[in-house]
PDB file of all heavy atoms in Angstrom:
ATOM      1  N   SER A   1       0.815  -1.209   0.000  1.00  0.00           N
ATOM      2  CA  SER A   1       0.000   0.000   0.000  1.00  0.00           C
ATOM      3  C   SER A   1       0.853   1.264   0.000  1.00  0.00           C
ATOM      4  O   SER A   1       0.468   2.269  -0.595  1.00  0.00           O
ATOM      5  CB  SER A   1      -0.938  -0.002   1.206  1.00  0.00           C
ATOM      6  OG  SER A   1      -1.858  -1.076   1.130  1.00  0.00           O
ATOM      7  N   ALA A   2       1.995   1.216   0.672  1.00  0.00           N
ATOM      8  CA  ALA A   2       2.863   2.383   0.717  1.00  0.00           C
ATOM      9  C   ALA A   2       3.393   2.748  -0.655  1.00  0.00           C
ATOM     10  O   ALA A   2       3.683   3.924  -0.924  1.00  0.00           O
ATOM     11  CB  ALA A   2       4.018   2.148   1.682  1.00  0.00           C
ATOM     12  N   LYS A   3       3.536   1.770  -1.529  1.00  0.00           N
ATOM     13  CA  LYS A   3       4.042   1.997  -2.879  1.00  0.00           C
ATOM     14  C   LYS A   3       2.936   2.036  -3.920  1.00  0.00           C
ATOM     15  O   LYS A   3       3.222   2.212  -5.112  1.00  0.00           O
ATOM     16  CB  LYS A   3       5.047   0.911  -3.254  1.00  0.00           C
ATOM     17  CG  LYS A   3       6.292   0.879  -2.392  1.00  0.00           C
ATOM     18  CD  LYS A   3       7.252  -0.201  -2.872  1.00  0.00           C
ATOM     19  CE  LYS A   3       8.490  -0.264  -1.996  1.00  0.00           C
ATOM     20  NZ  LYS A   3       9.285   0.988  -2.079  1.00  0.00           N
ATOM     21  N   ASN A   4       1.689   1.851  -3.496  1.00  0.00           N
ATOM     22  CA  ASN A   4       0.552   1.796  -4.419  1.00  0.00           C
ATOM     23  C   ASN A   4       0.800   0.779  -5.536  1.00  0.00           C
ATOM     24  O   ASN A   4       0.538   1.048  -6.712  1.00  0.00           O
ATOM     25  CB  ASN A   4       0.265   3.178  -5.013  1.00  0.00           C
ATOM     26  CG  ASN A   4      -0.296   4.147  -3.995  1.00  0.00           C
ATOM     27  OD1 ASN A   4      -0.928   3.747  -3.015  1.00  0.00           O
ATOM     28  ND2 ASN A   4      -0.074   5.433  -4.221  1.00  0.00           N
ATOM     29  N   THR A   5       1.291  -0.368  -5.152  1.00  0.00           N
ATOM     30  CA  THR A   5       1.644  -1.402  -6.111  1.00  0.00           C
ATOM     31  C   THR A   5       1.047  -2.737  -5.683  1.00  0.00           C
ATOM     32  O   THR A   5       1.103  -3.091  -4.500  1.00  0.00           O
ATOM     33  CB  THR A   5       3.165  -1.537  -6.248  1.00  0.00           C
ATOM     34  OG1 THR A   5       3.714  -0.284  -6.664  1.00  0.00           O
ATOM     35  CG2 THR A   5       3.529  -2.599  -7.270  1.00  0.00           C
ATOM     36  N   VAL A   6       0.476  -3.453  -6.633  1.00  0.00           N
ATOM     37  CA  VAL A   6       0.016  -4.818  -6.401  1.00  0.00           C
ATOM     38  C   VAL A   6       0.847  -5.760  -7.255  1.00  0.00           C
ATOM     39  O   VAL A   6       1.359  -5.380  -8.314  1.00  0.00           O
ATOM     40  CB  VAL A   6      -1.490  -4.980  -6.685  1.00  0.00           C
ATOM     41  CG1 VAL A   6      -2.311  -4.118  -5.737  1.00  0.00           C
ATOM     42  CG2 VAL A   6      -1.810  -4.627  -8.132  1.00  0.00           C
ATOM     43  N   TYR A   7       0.966  -6.996  -6.797  1.00  0.00           N
ATOM     44  CA  TYR A   7       1.826  -7.976  -7.443  1.00  0.00           C
ATOM     45  C   TYR A   7       1.056  -9.253  -7.727  1.00  0.00           C
ATOM     46  O   TYR A   7       0.122  -9.620  -7.009  1.00  0.00           O
ATOM     47  CB  TYR A   7       3.027  -8.310  -6.554  1.00  0.00           C
ATOM     48  CG  TYR A   7       3.838  -7.116  -6.146  1.00  0.00           C
ATOM     49  CD1 TYR A   7       3.617  -6.489  -4.923  1.00  0.00           C
ATOM     50  CD2 TYR A   7       4.826  -6.614  -6.977  1.00  0.00           C
ATOM     51  CE1 TYR A   7       4.358  -5.394  -4.536  1.00  0.00           C
ATOM     52  CE2 TYR A   7       5.574  -5.509  -6.608  1.00  0.00           C
ATOM     53  CZ  TYR A   7       5.339  -4.905  -5.381  1.00  0.00           C
ATOM     54  OH  TYR A   7       6.088  -3.809  -5.008  1.00  0.00           O
ATOM     55  N   LEU A   8       1.484  -9.922  -8.762  1.00  0.00           N
ATOM     56  CA  LEU A   8       0.997 -11.262  -9.061  1.00  0.00           C
ATOM     57  C   LEU A   8       2.208 -12.169  -9.174  1.00  0.00           C
ATOM     58  O   LEU A   8       2.942 -12.110 -10.166  1.00  0.00           O
ATOM     59  CB  LEU A   8       0.180 -11.277 -10.357  1.00  0.00           C
ATOM     60  CG  LEU A   8      -0.372 -12.641 -10.773  1.00  0.00           C
ATOM     61  CD1 LEU A   8      -1.381 -13.152  -9.749  1.00  0.00           C
ATOM     62  CD2 LEU A   8      -1.003 -12.562 -12.155  1.00  0.00           C
ATOM     63  N   GLN A   9       2.425 -12.970  -8.149  1.00  0.00           N
ATOM     64  CA  GLN A   9       3.509 -13.941  -8.151  1.00  0.00           C
ATOM     65  C   GLN A   9       3.001 -15.225  -8.777  1.00  0.00           C
ATOM     66  O   GLN A   9       2.052 -15.829  -8.274  1.00  0.00           O
ATOM     67  CB  GLN A   9       4.004 -14.207  -6.729  1.00  0.00           C
ATOM     68  CG  GLN A   9       5.097 -15.255  -6.630  1.00  0.00           C
ATOM     69  CD  GLN A   9       6.387 -14.811  -7.266  1.00  0.00           C
ATOM     70  OE1 GLN A   9       6.832 -13.691  -7.061  1.00  0.00           O
ATOM     71  NE2 GLN A   9       6.995 -15.692  -8.058  1.00  0.00           N
ATOM     72  N   MET A  10       3.628 -15.653  -9.853  1.00  0.00           N
ATOM     73  CA  MET A  10       3.200 -16.824 -10.596  1.00  0.00           C
ATOM     74  C   MET A  10       4.284 -17.890 -10.509  1.00  0.00           C
ATOM     75  O   MET A  10       5.410 -17.682 -10.958  1.00  0.00           O
ATOM     76  CB  MET A  10       2.921 -16.468 -12.055  1.00  0.00           C
ATOM     77  CG  MET A  10       1.880 -15.367 -12.222  1.00  0.00           C
ATOM     78  SD  MET A  10       1.519 -14.999 -13.958  1.00  0.00           S
ATOM     79  CE  MET A  10       3.087 -14.278 -14.447  1.00  0.00           C
ATOM     80  N   ASN A  11       3.934 -19.022  -9.924  1.00  0.00           N
ATOM     81  CA  ASN A  11       4.848 -20.149  -9.784  1.00  0.00           C
ATOM     82  C   ASN A  11       4.344 -21.335 -10.591  1.00  0.00           C
ATOM     83  O   ASN A  11       3.170 -21.417 -10.941  1.00  0.00           O
ATOM     84  CB  ASN A  11       4.988 -20.541  -8.311  1.00  0.00           C
ATOM     85  CG  ASN A  11       5.565 -19.442  -7.455  1.00  0.00           C
ATOM     86  OD1 ASN A  11       6.388 -18.650  -7.907  1.00  0.00           O
ATOM     87  ND2 ASN A  11       5.144 -19.392  -6.190  1.00  0.00           N
ATOM     88  N   SER A  12       5.244 -22.260 -10.853  1.00  0.00           N
ATOM     89  CA  SER A  12       4.898 -23.483 -11.585  1.00  0.00           C
ATOM     90  C   SER A  12       4.125 -23.170 -12.856  1.00  0.00           C
ATOM     91  O   SER A  12       3.083 -23.765 -13.142  1.00  0.00           O
ATOM     92  CB  SER A  12       4.093 -24.427 -10.681  1.00  0.00           C
ATOM     93  OG  SER A  12       4.817 -24.764  -9.523  1.00  0.00           O
ATOM     94  N   LEU A  13       4.644 -22.253 -13.624  1.00  0.00           N
ATOM     95  CA  LEU A  13       3.942 -21.801 -14.816  1.00  0.00           C
ATOM     96  C   LEU A  13       3.803 -22.918 -15.839  1.00  0.00           C
ATOM     97  O   LEU A  13       4.694 -23.761 -15.997  1.00  0.00           O
ATOM     98  CB  LEU A  13       4.672 -20.612 -15.430  1.00  0.00           C
ATOM     99  CG  LEU A  13       4.428 -19.286 -14.702  1.00  0.00           C
ATOM    100  CD1 LEU A  13       5.483 -18.263 -15.085  1.00  0.00           C
ATOM    101  CD2 LEU A  13       3.034 -18.753 -15.026  1.00  0.00           C
ATOM    102  N   LYS A  14       2.673 -22.896 -16.520  1.00  0.00           N
ATOM    103  CA  LYS A  14       2.342 -23.875 -17.540  1.00  0.00           C
ATOM    104  C   LYS A  14       2.126 -23.169 -18.869  1.00  0.00           C
ATOM    105  O   LYS A  14       1.799 -21.984 -18.893  1.00  0.00           O
ATOM    106  CB  LYS A  14       1.059 -24.629 -17.159  1.00  0.00           C
ATOM    107  CG  LYS A  14       1.068 -25.252 -15.781  1.00  0.00           C
ATOM    108  CD  LYS A  14      -0.308 -25.811 -15.446  1.00  0.00           C
ATOM    109  CE  LYS A  14      -0.337 -26.403 -14.055  1.00  0.00           C
ATOM    110  NZ  LYS A  14      -1.683 -26.927 -13.716  1.00  0.00           N
ATOM    111  N   PRO A  15       2.264 -23.881 -19.980  1.00  0.00           N
ATOM    112  CA  PRO A  15       1.960 -23.250 -21.267  1.00  0.00           C
ATOM    113  C   PRO A  15       0.551 -22.667 -21.322  1.00  0.00           C
ATOM    114  O   PRO A  15       0.338 -21.649 -21.986  1.00  0.00           O
ATOM    115  CB  PRO A  15       2.135 -24.395 -22.268  1.00  0.00           C
ATOM    116  CG  PRO A  15       3.163 -25.268 -21.635  1.00  0.00           C
ATOM    117  CD  PRO A  15       2.868 -25.216 -20.157  1.00  0.00           C
ATOM    118  N   GLY A  16      -0.399 -23.276 -20.617  1.00  0.00           N
ATOM    119  CA  GLY A  16      -1.756 -22.765 -20.579  1.00  0.00           C
ATOM    120  C   GLY A  16      -1.906 -21.432 -19.878  1.00  0.00           C
ATOM    121  O   GLY A  16      -2.963 -20.802 -19.974  1.00  0.00           O
ATOM    122  N   ASP A  17      -0.873 -20.993 -19.169  1.00  0.00           N
ATOM    123  CA  ASP A  17      -0.895 -19.681 -18.533  1.00  0.00           C
ATOM    124  C   ASP A  17      -0.534 -18.566 -19.507  1.00  0.00           C
ATOM    125  O   ASP A  17      -0.604 -17.390 -19.135  1.00  0.00           O
ATOM    126  CB  ASP A  17       0.074 -19.644 -17.348  1.00  0.00           C
ATOM    127  CG  ASP A  17      -0.333 -20.590 -16.232  1.00  0.00           C
ATOM    128  OD1 ASP A  17      -1.543 -20.672 -15.924  1.00  0.00           O
ATOM    129  OD2 ASP A  17       0.567 -21.245 -15.667  1.00  0.00           O
ATOM    130  N   THR A  18      -0.126 -18.909 -20.703  1.00  0.00           N
ATOM    131  CA  THR A  18       0.250 -17.912 -21.691  1.00  0.00           C
ATOM    132  C   THR A  18      -0.938 -17.008 -22.004  1.00  0.00           C
ATOM    133  O   THR A  18      -2.015 -17.486 -22.383  1.00  0.00           O
ATOM    134  CB  THR A  18       0.750 -18.583 -22.969  1.00  0.00           C
ATOM    135  OG1 THR A  18       1.961 -19.296 -22.690  1.00  0.00           O
ATOM    136  CG2 THR A  18       1.019 -17.552 -24.057  1.00  0.00           C
ATOM    137  N   ALA A  19      -0.753 -15.713 -21.830  1.00  0.00           N
ATOM    138  CA  ALA A  19      -1.824 -14.751 -22.038  1.00  0.00           C
ATOM    139  C   ALA A  19      -1.276 -13.354 -21.816  1.00  0.00           C
ATOM    140  O   ALA A  19      -0.178 -13.177 -21.293  1.00  0.00           O
ATOM    141  CB  ALA A  19      -2.990 -15.000 -21.074  1.00  0.00           C
ATOM    142  N   ALA A  20      -2.063 -12.370 -22.208  1.00  0.00           N
ATOM    143  CA  ALA A  20      -1.827 -11.004 -21.774  1.00  0.00           C
ATOM    144  C   ALA A  20      -2.475 -10.829 -20.411  1.00  0.00           C
ATOM    145  O   ALA A  20      -3.647 -11.171 -20.229  1.00  0.00           O
ATOM    146  CB  ALA A  20      -2.406 -10.008 -22.776  1.00  0.00           C
ATOM    147  N   TYR A  21      -1.719 -10.326 -19.462  1.00  0.00           N
ATOM    148  CA  TYR A  21      -2.201 -10.156 -18.098  1.00  0.00           C
ATOM    149  C   TYR A  21      -2.481  -8.689 -17.828  1.00  0.00           C
ATOM    150  O   TYR A  21      -1.669  -7.817 -18.154  1.00  0.00           O
ATOM    151  CB  TYR A  21      -1.184 -10.687 -17.097  1.00  0.00           C
ATOM    152  CG  TYR A  21      -1.189 -12.194 -17.004  1.00  0.00           C
ATOM    153  CD1 TYR A  21      -0.666 -12.971 -18.031  1.00  0.00           C
ATOM    154  CD2 TYR A  21      -1.738 -12.843 -15.900  1.00  0.00           C
ATOM    155  CE1 TYR A  21      -0.696 -14.353 -17.964  1.00  0.00           C
ATOM    156  CE2 TYR A  21      -1.762 -14.222 -15.825  1.00  0.00           C
ATOM    157  CZ  TYR A  21      -1.239 -14.970 -16.855  1.00  0.00           C
ATOM    158  OH  TYR A  21      -1.267 -16.351 -16.774  1.00  0.00           O
ATOM    159  N   TYR A  22      -3.640  -8.433 -17.208  1.00  0.00           N
ATOM    160  CA  TYR A  22      -4.099  -7.081 -16.935  1.00  0.00           C
ATOM    161  C   TYR A  22      -4.416  -6.917 -15.456  1.00  0.00           C
ATOM    162  O   TYR A  22      -4.988  -7.813 -14.837  1.00  0.00           O
ATOM    163  CB  TYR A  22      -5.375  -6.766 -17.722  1.00  0.00           C
ATOM    164  CG  TYR A  22      -5.242  -6.865 -19.220  1.00  0.00           C
ATOM    165  CD1 TYR A  22      -5.413  -8.070 -19.883  1.00  0.00           C
ATOM    166  CD2 TYR A  22      -4.959  -5.730 -19.972  1.00  0.00           C
ATOM    167  CE1 TYR A  22      -5.300  -8.157 -21.256  1.00  0.00           C
ATOM    168  CE2 TYR A  22      -4.843  -5.805 -21.344  1.00  0.00           C
ATOM    169  CZ  TYR A  22      -5.017  -7.021 -21.981  1.00  0.00           C
ATOM    170  OH  TYR A  22      -4.906  -7.103 -23.350  1.00  0.00           O
ATOM    171  N   CYS A  23      -4.073  -5.776 -14.909  1.00  0.00           N
ATOM    172  CA  CYS A  23      -4.594  -5.411 -13.608  1.00  0.00           C
ATOM    173  C   CYS A  23      -5.732  -4.422 -13.800  1.00  0.00           C
ATOM    174  O   CYS A  23      -5.821  -3.730 -14.817  1.00  0.00           O
ATOM    175  CB  CYS A  23      -3.519  -4.845 -12.681  1.00  0.00           C
ATOM    176  SG  CYS A  23      -2.783  -3.280 -13.190  1.00  0.00           S
ATOM    177  N   ALA A  24      -6.625  -4.383 -12.827  1.00  0.00           N
ATOM    178  CA  ALA A  24      -7.815  -3.556 -12.923  1.00  0.00           C
ATOM    179  C   ALA A  24      -8.223  -3.070 -11.542  1.00  0.00           C
ATOM    180  O   ALA A  24      -7.932  -3.711 -10.532  1.00  0.00           O
ATOM    181  CB  ALA A  24      -8.960  -4.346 -13.563  1.00  0.00           C
ATOM    182  N   ALA A  25      -8.908  -1.943 -11.514  1.00  0.00           N
ATOM    183  CA  ALA A  25      -9.448  -1.379 -10.282  1.00  0.00           C
ATOM    184  C   ALA A  25     -10.955  -1.270 -10.422  1.00  0.00           C
ATOM    185  O   ALA A  25     -11.452  -0.764 -11.427  1.00  0.00           O
ATOM    186  CB  ALA A  25      -8.836  -0.013  -9.996  1.00  0.00           C
ATOM    187  N   GLY A  26     -11.673  -1.740  -9.420  1.00  0.00           N
ATOM    188  CA  GLY A  26     -13.117  -1.693  -9.488  1.00  0.00           C
ATOM    189  C   GLY A  26     -13.766  -2.136  -8.203  1.00  0.00           C
ATOM    190  O   GLY A  26     -13.218  -1.933  -7.116  1.00  0.00           O
ATOM    191  N   MET A  27     -14.913  -2.781  -8.333  1.00  0.00           N
ATOM    192  CA  MET A  27     -15.711  -3.164  -7.176  1.00  0.00           C
ATOM    193  C   MET A  27     -15.415  -4.559  -6.664  1.00  0.00           C
ATOM    194  O   MET A  27     -16.012  -4.980  -5.675  1.00  0.00           O
ATOM    195  CB  MET A  27     -17.198  -3.034  -7.510  1.00  0.00           C
ATOM    196  CG  MET A  27     -17.624  -1.619  -7.884  1.00  0.00           C
ATOM    197  SD  MET A  27     -17.153  -0.392  -6.632  1.00  0.00           S
ATOM    198  CE  MET A  27     -18.131  -0.943  -5.237  1.00  0.00           C
ATOM    199  N   GLY A  28     -14.535  -5.277  -7.326  1.00  0.00           N
ATOM    200  CA  GLY A  28     -14.015  -6.512  -6.763  1.00  0.00           C
ATOM    201  C   GLY A  28     -14.738  -7.787  -7.097  1.00  0.00           C
ATOM    202  O   GLY A  28     -14.547  -8.788  -6.401  1.00  0.00           O
ATOM    203  N   GLY A  29     -15.538  -7.807  -8.145  1.00  0.00           N
ATOM    204  CA  GLY A  29     -16.167  -9.029  -8.574  1.00  0.00           C
ATOM    205  C   GLY A  29     -15.242  -9.883  -9.418  1.00  0.00           C
ATOM    206  O   GLY A  29     -14.070  -9.558  -9.634  1.00  0.00           O
ATOM    207  N   ALA A  30     -15.764 -10.992  -9.916  1.00  0.00           N
ATOM    208  CA  ALA A  30     -15.017 -11.876 -10.793  1.00  0.00           C
ATOM    209  C   ALA A  30     -15.240 -11.556 -12.266  1.00  0.00           C
ATOM    210  O   ALA A  30     -14.553 -12.119 -13.123  1.00  0.00           O
ATOM    211  CB  ALA A  30     -15.387 -13.336 -10.524  1.00  0.00           C
ATOM    212  N   SER A  31     -16.171 -10.679 -12.559  1.00  0.00           N
ATOM    213  CA  SER A  31     -16.455 -10.290 -13.934  1.00  0.00           C
ATOM    214  C   SER A  31     -15.646  -9.060 -14.318  1.00  0.00           C
ATOM    215  O   SER A  31     -15.535  -8.117 -13.530  1.00  0.00           O
ATOM    216  CB  SER A  31     -17.938  -9.997 -14.121  1.00  0.00           C
ATOM    217  OG  SER A  31     -18.182  -9.391 -15.377  1.00  0.00           O
ATOM    218  N   PRO A  32     -15.086  -9.031 -15.532  1.00  0.00           N
ATOM    219  CA  PRO A  32     -14.403  -7.812 -15.976  1.00  0.00           C
ATOM    220  C   PRO A  32     -15.281  -6.573 -15.933  1.00  0.00           C
ATOM    221  O   PRO A  32     -14.767  -5.462 -15.769  1.00  0.00           O
ATOM    222  CB  PRO A  32     -13.992  -8.146 -17.417  1.00  0.00           C
ATOM    223  CG  PRO A  32     -13.924  -9.634 -17.459  1.00  0.00           C
ATOM    224  CD  PRO A  32     -15.006 -10.102 -16.534  1.00  0.00           C
ATOM    225  N   ARG A  33     -16.595  -6.756 -16.056  1.00  0.00           N
ATOM    226  CA  ARG A  33     -17.506  -5.617 -16.089  1.00  0.00           C
ATOM    227  C   ARG A  33     -17.618  -4.914 -14.750  1.00  0.00           C
ATOM    228  O   ARG A  33     -18.163  -3.807 -14.689  1.00  0.00           O
ATOM    229  CB  ARG A  33     -18.888  -6.068 -16.563  1.00  0.00           C
ATOM    230  CG  ARG A  33     -18.884  -6.626 -17.975  1.00  0.00           C
ATOM    231  CD  ARG A  33     -20.274  -6.907 -18.481  1.00  0.00           C
ATOM    232  NE  ARG A  33     -21.051  -5.688 -18.595  1.00  0.00           N
ATOM    233  CZ  ARG A  33     -22.312  -5.640 -19.018  1.00  0.00           C
ATOM    234  NH1 ARG A  33     -22.919  -6.760 -19.376  1.00  0.00           N
ATOM    235  NH2 ARG A  33     -22.945  -4.487 -19.083  1.00  0.00           N
ATOM    236  N   THR A  34     -17.122  -5.502 -13.668  1.00  0.00           N
ATOM    237  CA  THR A  34     -17.157  -4.862 -12.366  1.00  0.00           C
ATOM    238  C   THR A  34     -15.923  -4.006 -12.105  1.00  0.00           C
ATOM    239  O   THR A  34     -15.795  -3.460 -11.008  1.00  0.00           O
ATOM    240  CB  THR A  34     -17.308  -5.895 -11.246  1.00  0.00           C
ATOM    241  OG1 THR A  34     -16.162  -6.764 -11.227  1.00  0.00           O
ATOM    242  CG2 THR A  34     -18.571  -6.731 -11.451  1.00  0.00           C
ATOM    243  N   TYR A  35     -15.049  -3.877 -13.087  1.00  0.00           N
ATOM    244  CA  TYR A  35     -13.838  -3.072 -12.953  1.00  0.00           C
ATOM    245  C   TYR A  35     -13.879  -1.900 -13.923  1.00  0.00           C
ATOM    246  O   TYR A  35     -14.105  -2.087 -15.118  1.00  0.00           O
ATOM    247  CB  TYR A  35     -12.592  -3.924 -13.189  1.00  0.00           C
ATOM    248  CG  TYR A  35     -12.417  -4.969 -12.115  1.00  0.00           C
ATOM    249  CD1 TYR A  35     -13.105  -6.171 -12.182  1.00  0.00           C
ATOM    250  CD2 TYR A  35     -11.595  -4.731 -11.022  1.00  0.00           C
ATOM    251  CE1 TYR A  35     -12.969  -7.118 -11.180  1.00  0.00           C
ATOM    252  CE2 TYR A  35     -11.455  -5.676 -10.021  1.00  0.00           C
ATOM    253  CZ  TYR A  35     -12.140  -6.864 -10.102  1.00  0.00           C
ATOM    254  OH  TYR A  35     -12.000  -7.807  -9.106  1.00  0.00           O
ATOM    255  N   ALA A  36     -13.644  -0.723 -13.399  1.00  0.00           N
ATOM    256  CA  ALA A  36     -13.774   0.497 -14.181  1.00  0.00           C
ATOM    257  C   ALA A  36     -12.476   0.934 -14.847  1.00  0.00           C
ATOM    258  O   ALA A  36     -12.508   1.613 -15.874  1.00  0.00           O
ATOM    259  CB  ALA A  36     -14.304   1.629 -13.304  1.00  0.00           C
ATOM    260  N   TYR A  37     -11.344   0.560 -14.269  1.00  0.00           N
ATOM    261  CA  TYR A  37     -10.054   1.028 -14.755  1.00  0.00           C
ATOM    262  C   TYR A  37      -9.146  -0.152 -15.045  1.00  0.00           C
ATOM    263  O   TYR A  37      -9.110  -1.123 -14.291  1.00  0.00           O
ATOM    264  CB  TYR A  37      -9.396   1.956 -13.730  1.00  0.00           C
ATOM    265  CG  TYR A  37     -10.259   3.131 -13.360  1.00  0.00           C
ATOM    266  CD1 TYR A  37     -11.013   3.116 -12.197  1.00  0.00           C
ATOM    267  CD2 TYR A  37     -10.327   4.246 -14.181  1.00  0.00           C
ATOM    268  CE1 TYR A  37     -11.813   4.188 -11.856  1.00  0.00           C
ATOM    269  CE2 TYR A  37     -11.129   5.323 -13.852  1.00  0.00           C
ATOM    270  CZ  TYR A  37     -11.872   5.290 -12.684  1.00  0.00           C
ATOM    271  OH  TYR A  37     -12.668   6.355 -12.355  1.00  0.00           O
ATOM    272  N   TRP A  38      -8.381  -0.036 -16.133  1.00  0.00           N
ATOM    273  CA  TRP A  38      -7.540  -1.126 -16.602  1.00  0.00           C
ATOM    274  C   TRP A  38      -6.161  -0.633 -16.994  1.00  0.00           C
ATOM    275  O   TRP A  38      -5.998   0.475 -17.509  1.00  0.00           O
ATOM    276  CB  TRP A  38      -8.183  -1.799 -17.820  1.00  0.00           C
ATOM    277  CG  TRP A  38      -9.459  -2.498 -17.494  1.00  0.00           C
ATOM    278  CD1 TRP A  38     -10.698  -1.951 -17.412  1.00  0.00           C
ATOM    279  CD2 TRP A  38      -9.604  -3.890 -17.197  1.00  0.00           C
ATOM    280  NE1 TRP A  38     -11.622  -2.912 -17.075  1.00  0.00           N
ATOM    281  CE2 TRP A  38     -10.978  -4.105 -16.940  1.00  0.00           C
ATOM    282  CE3 TRP A  38      -8.720  -4.966 -17.128  1.00  0.00           C
ATOM    283  CZ2 TRP A  38     -11.480  -5.366 -16.617  1.00  0.00           C
ATOM    284  CZ3 TRP A  38      -9.207  -6.217 -16.805  1.00  0.00           C
ATOM    285  CH2 TRP A  38     -10.586  -6.395 -16.557  1.00  0.00           C
ATOM    286  N   GLY A  39      -5.170  -1.479 -16.766  1.00  0.00           N
ATOM    287  CA  GLY A  39      -3.848  -1.220 -17.275  1.00  0.00           C
ATOM    288  C   GLY A  39      -3.727  -1.630 -18.726  1.00  0.00           C
ATOM    289  O   GLY A  39      -4.678  -2.126 -19.342  1.00  0.00           O
TER     290      GLY A  39
END
């Protein structure tokens, strides 16, 4: 919180994890539509 930074630590990566990864700010649901801001 002091750095205003969130992290995603990914271990044991698999080929199926291949994707573009996005962070988002919103109301905290599991649907992309619940997030208003995107990287």
